[in-house]
């Protein structure tokens, strides 16, 4: 009988795609924390990296009269899906915007999630561009943790 650690899959990198309904447009400036997608982990994993795959780009529209407003999208961990989200990474789409079919790289703190923890793609209040202008999905790089 083979041990997991002898498997060629040990340490293999996997990508999890997170998207809003039909890669829908990400909304205007949020008045409260807004979740775009939540995935419950079915196994223990370590989050390694993430990026934003821009389908339709956006520039800042100066929502609320703030011409320097940017869009900060976040990746978070919710232990056992309790609802409380701890931020583990972010991506900012600045006033220069993001072009169609581009990739915006994010920063992430390498984080372990146990089976049953939720990975959440979200934005906080007041951190979004207006006019539902950005259509994107998040690509999250992870490795399975054998416990």
Protein backbone atom coordinates (compact mmCIF):
# COMPACT_ATOMS: atom_id res chain seq x y z
CA UNK A 1 0.00 0.00 0.00
CA UNK A 2 1.40 3.34 -1.07
CA UNK A 3 1.85 6.31 1.23
CA UNK A 4 0.50 9.72 0.11
CA UNK A 5 4.01 11.11 0.40
CA UNK A 6 5.21 8.62 -2.24
CA UNK A 7 2.60 9.90 -4.68
CA UNK A 8 3.58 12.04 -7.66
CA UNK A 9 0.71 14.34 -6.63
CA UNK A 10 2.48 15.32 -3.38
CA UNK A 11 3.36 19.01 -3.61
CA UNK A 12 1.58 19.44 -6.96
CA UNK A 13 0.20 22.93 -7.58
CA UNK A 14 -3.51 23.35 -8.32
CA UNK A 15 -5.58 26.34 -9.38
CA UNK A 16 -9.01 27.13 -7.98
CA UNK A 17 -11.09 29.55 -10.08
CA UNK A 18 -13.44 31.84 -8.15
CA UNK A 19 -16.08 33.84 -9.99
CA UNK A 20 -19.29 35.70 -9.40
CA UNK A 21 -22.36 34.44 -11.27
CA UNK A 22 -21.41 34.03 -14.95
CA UNK A 23 -18.22 36.02 -14.26
CA UNK A 24 -20.60 38.89 -13.58
CA UNK A 25 -19.54 42.47 -13.20
CA UNK A 26 -18.15 43.36 -9.81
CA UNK A 27 -20.40 45.96 -8.25
CA UNK A 28 -20.22 49.63 -7.55
CA UNK A 29 -18.77 51.06 -4.36
CA UNK A 30 -20.00 48.75 -1.61
CA UNK A 31 -21.69 50.13 1.48
CA UNK A 32 -20.78 46.94 3.34
CA UNK A 33 -18.35 44.06 2.94
CA UNK A 34 -19.35 42.25 -0.25
CA UNK A 35 -18.55 38.61 -1.03
CA UNK A 36 -18.12 37.67 -4.68
CA UNK A 37 -17.50 33.97 -4.12
CA UNK A 38 -16.97 31.54 -1.21
CA UNK A 39 -15.58 28.02 -1.48
CA UNK A 40 -15.52 25.48 1.34
CA UNK A 41 -12.30 23.44 1.27
CA UNK A 42 -12.83 19.70 1.03
CA UNK A 43 -9.25 18.94 2.07
CA UNK A 44 -6.41 20.68 3.89
CA UNK A 45 -4.60 23.12 1.55
CA UNK A 46 -1.99 25.87 1.60
CA UNK A 47 -2.80 29.01 -0.38
CA UNK A 48 0.33 30.07 -2.29
CA UNK A 49 -0.62 32.88 -4.70
CA UNK A 50 -3.50 34.48 -6.60
CA UNK A 51 -4.28 36.77 -9.50
CA UNK A 52 -7.19 38.51 -11.15
CA UNK A 53 -8.11 37.39 -14.67
CA UNK A 54 -9.70 40.48 -16.22
CA UNK A 55 -12.33 39.67 -18.85
CA UNK A 56 -13.56 43.24 -19.33
CA UNK A 57 -11.31 45.96 -17.99
CA UNK A 58 -12.17 49.02 -15.97
CA UNK A 59 -10.92 52.46 -15.08
CA UNK A 60 -11.85 54.54 -12.08
CA UNK A 61 -15.09 56.45 -12.60
CA UNK A 62 -14.63 58.64 -9.55
CA UNK A 63 -17.51 57.04 -7.66
CA UNK A 64 -18.86 59.42 -5.06
CA UNK A 65 -16.80 62.27 -6.49
CA UNK A 66 -13.49 60.70 -5.42
CA UNK A 67 -11.39 60.71 -8.60
CA UNK A 68 -8.51 58.79 -7.00
CA UNK A 69 -10.66 55.94 -5.72
CA UNK A 70 -9.28 52.47 -6.45
CA UNK A 71 -10.75 48.99 -6.33
CA UNK A 72 -9.17 46.68 -3.75
CA UNK A 73 -10.25 43.06 -4.02
CA UNK A 74 -9.36 40.67 -1.22
CA UNK A 75 -8.86 36.99 -0.54
CA UNK A 76 -9.77 35.77 2.92
CA UNK A 77 -10.06 32.78 5.20
CA UNK A 78 -13.15 32.00 7.22
CA UNK A 79 -12.33 29.33 9.81
CA UNK A 80 -14.91 26.55 9.57
CA UNK A 81 -17.12 28.93 7.58
CA UNK A 82 -18.00 30.90 10.71
CA UNK A 83 -18.63 34.12 8.81
CA UNK A 84 -15.67 36.04 10.24
CA UNK A 85 -13.16 36.68 7.43
CA UNK A 86 -9.41 37.11 7.97
CA UNK A 87 -7.75 38.88 5.05
CA UNK A 88 -4.85 36.89 3.55
CA UNK A 89 -4.29 38.77 0.28
CA UNK A 90 -5.25 41.71 -1.91
CA UNK A 91 -5.26 43.04 -5.46
CA UNK A 92 -5.69 46.70 -6.31
CA UNK A 93 -7.03 48.00 -9.60
CA UNK A 94 -5.87 51.60 -9.57
CA UNK A 95 -6.99 54.72 -11.39
CA UNK A 96 -5.15 53.51 -14.52
CA UNK A 97 -7.53 50.54 -14.50
CA UNK A 98 -7.01 47.11 -15.99
CA UNK A 99 -7.13 46.24 -19.69
CA UNK A 100 -9.39 43.62 -21.24
CA UNK A 101 -7.87 40.11 -21.13
CA UNK A 102 -5.12 41.11 -18.71
CA UNK A 103 -3.84 39.52 -15.51
CA UNK A 104 -3.39 41.57 -12.33
CA UNK A 105 -1.07 39.86 -9.84
CA UNK A 106 -1.99 39.88 -6.18
CA UNK A 107 -0.16 39.63 -2.90
CA UNK A 108 -0.90 36.85 -0.44
CA UNK A 109 0.35 35.65 2.91
CA UNK A 110 0.87 31.91 2.53
CA UNK A 111 -1.96 30.46 4.61
CA UNK A 112 -3.11 26.99 5.62
CA UNK A 113 -6.79 26.13 5.39
CA UNK A 114 -8.22 22.99 6.97
CA UNK A 115 -10.98 20.90 5.44
CA UNK A 116 -14.18 22.81 6.23
CA UNK A 117 -12.57 26.28 6.17
CA UNK A 118 -13.89 28.73 3.59
CA UNK A 119 -11.82 30.65 1.05
CA UNK A 120 -13.57 33.96 0.32
CA UNK A 121 -13.10 36.43 -2.55
CA UNK A 122 -14.52 39.78 -1.43
CA UNK A 123 -14.21 43.55 -1.11
CA UNK A 124 -14.68 45.81 1.89
CA UNK A 125 -17.02 48.78 2.13
CA UNK A 126 -16.16 51.72 -0.08
CA UNK A 127 -13.31 50.01 -1.92
CA UNK A 128 -14.93 49.36 -5.30
CA UNK A 129 -15.10 51.25 -8.56
CA UNK A 130 -18.51 52.27 -9.80
CA UNK A 131 -20.80 51.29 -12.64
CA UNK A 132 -20.25 47.51 -12.47
CA UNK A 133 -17.35 48.16 -14.80
CA UNK A 134 -14.92 45.33 -13.99
CA UNK A 135 -15.68 41.78 -15.11
CA UNK A 136 -13.15 39.33 -13.72
CA UNK A 137 -12.47 36.08 -11.95
CA UNK A 138 -9.91 35.18 -9.31
CA UNK A 139 -7.39 32.37 -9.84
CA UNK A 140 -5.99 30.94 -6.59
CA UNK A 141 -2.87 28.75 -6.50
CA UNK A 142 -2.78 26.11 -3.74
CA UNK A 143 -1.15 22.85 -2.77
CA UNK A 144 -2.81 20.04 -0.88
CA UNK A 145 -1.52 19.49 2.66
CA UNK A 146 -1.28 15.86 3.71
CA UNK A 147 -2.07 15.49 7.38
